Each structure stands twice: as C-alpha cells, then as structure tokens.
Protein backbone atom coordinates (compact mmCIF):
# COMPACT_ATOMS: atom_id res chain seq x y z
CA MET A 1 -1.55 11.85 -32.93
CA LYS A 2 2.07 12.15 -31.77
CA LYS A 3 4.19 9.01 -31.57
CA PRO A 4 4.60 9.17 -27.64
CA ALA A 5 0.79 9.26 -27.26
CA LYS A 6 0.41 6.24 -29.55
CA VAL A 7 3.12 4.32 -27.64
CA ALA A 8 1.44 5.14 -24.34
CA ILE A 9 -1.98 3.96 -25.53
CA ILE A 10 -0.64 0.75 -27.02
CA SER A 11 1.41 0.09 -23.88
CA GLY A 12 -1.66 0.61 -21.77
CA ILE A 13 -3.77 -1.81 -23.79
CA ALA A 14 -0.97 -4.38 -23.56
CA VAL A 15 -0.72 -4.01 -19.80
CA ALA A 16 -4.53 -4.50 -19.56
CA ILE A 17 -4.36 -7.64 -21.64
CA VAL A 18 -1.54 -9.11 -19.49
CA ILE A 19 -3.41 -8.36 -16.28
CA SER A 20 -6.60 -9.83 -17.64
CA ALA A 21 -4.79 -13.06 -18.75
CA LEU A 22 -3.14 -13.36 -15.33
CA ALA A 23 -6.53 -12.91 -13.59
CA ILE A 24 -8.21 -15.59 -15.68
CA THR A 25 -5.32 -17.96 -15.23
CA ILE A 26 -5.49 -17.48 -11.46
CA HIS A 27 -9.20 -18.01 -11.55
CA LEU A 28 -9.05 -21.20 -13.62
CA ARG A 29 -6.25 -22.70 -11.42
CA GLN A 30 -8.11 -21.90 -8.25
CA SER A 31 -11.25 -23.37 -9.61
CA ALA A 32 -9.43 -26.54 -10.46
CA ILE A 33 -7.85 -26.72 -6.98
CA GLU A 34 -11.06 -25.94 -5.08
CA GLY A 35 -13.38 -28.16 -6.80
CA ASN A 36 -16.61 -28.40 -5.04
CA GLU A 37 -15.43 -27.35 -1.60
CA GLN A 38 -18.28 -26.63 0.70
CA ARG A 39 -16.95 -24.31 3.36
CA GLN A 40 -16.53 -20.65 3.01
CA GLU A 41 -12.89 -19.33 2.85
CA THR A 42 -11.55 -16.04 3.96
CA ALA A 43 -10.11 -13.71 1.36
CA SER A 44 -6.60 -14.26 2.72
CA GLU A 45 -6.91 -18.08 2.36
CA LYS A 46 -7.98 -17.65 -1.24
CA ILE A 47 -5.08 -15.25 -1.90
CA ASN A 48 -2.58 -17.63 -0.34
CA GLU A 49 -3.91 -20.53 -2.49
CA ALA A 50 -3.72 -18.51 -5.66
CA ILE A 51 -0.14 -17.37 -4.86
CA ASN A 52 0.81 -21.01 -4.11
CA ALA A 53 -0.77 -22.11 -7.45
CA ILE A 54 1.28 -19.67 -9.37
CA THR A 55 4.63 -19.90 -7.58
CA LYS A 56 4.50 -23.71 -7.01
CA PRO A 57 2.77 -25.04 -10.11
CA ASN A 58 4.39 -28.55 -9.78
CA GLU A 59 3.07 -29.19 -6.28
CA THR A 60 -0.38 -30.87 -6.07
CA ASN A 61 -2.79 -29.00 -3.88
CA SER A 62 -5.49 -31.66 -4.15
CA GLU A 63 -7.80 -32.23 -1.35
CA ALA A 64 -7.32 -35.99 -1.92
CA ASN A 65 -3.97 -35.56 -0.35
CA GLU A 66 -5.34 -34.29 2.95
CA SER A 67 -5.29 -36.41 6.02
CA PRO A 68 -8.57 -37.16 7.85
CA GLN A 69 -7.45 -34.80 10.58
CA GLN A 70 -7.12 -31.94 8.16
CA ARG A 71 -10.47 -32.68 6.54
CA ALA A 72 -12.14 -32.75 9.98
CA SER A 73 -10.55 -29.50 11.01
CA GLU A 74 -11.99 -27.87 7.82
CA GLY A 75 -15.45 -29.13 8.65
CA LYS A 76 -15.68 -31.58 5.79
C-alpha cells in the first residue's frame, strides 16, 4: 500500500475516534444536566443545551437554580 493511502486511512480513523469521543462527551454532559426531566424537548432545545454545555462548562445548568415561574412554564 502506498504511503498516502496509509496516511488517509489513519487520518480517517483518527477523525472517527475524535467525533465519537465528542458525541459521547456531549451525551454524558446532557444526561447529567437533564437528570430525570419529564417533559419532551424539541431537537433545537437539546442542541442548544448541548452547545451551552460545551461552550460554557463552568456555568451550572442545574434545574435547582430555576425559579418557580420557570418550572411552572415548563410544566413541572
């Protein structure tokens, strides 16, 4: 096998590993944030929460910090 082909294959595998690790990280962070939330969220809400979890890791997104009005508006 030629060297460029080997490099391309190894690069492809490395990219797949990085994407998989990122997906697992996002899933675990979102699971930690969501907890046992009962209501169904839209895909855009889930995406926004995942992006915020990655870009603002030091901020707490805990539902414990929500006001009673916020909880009522979400149907909790």
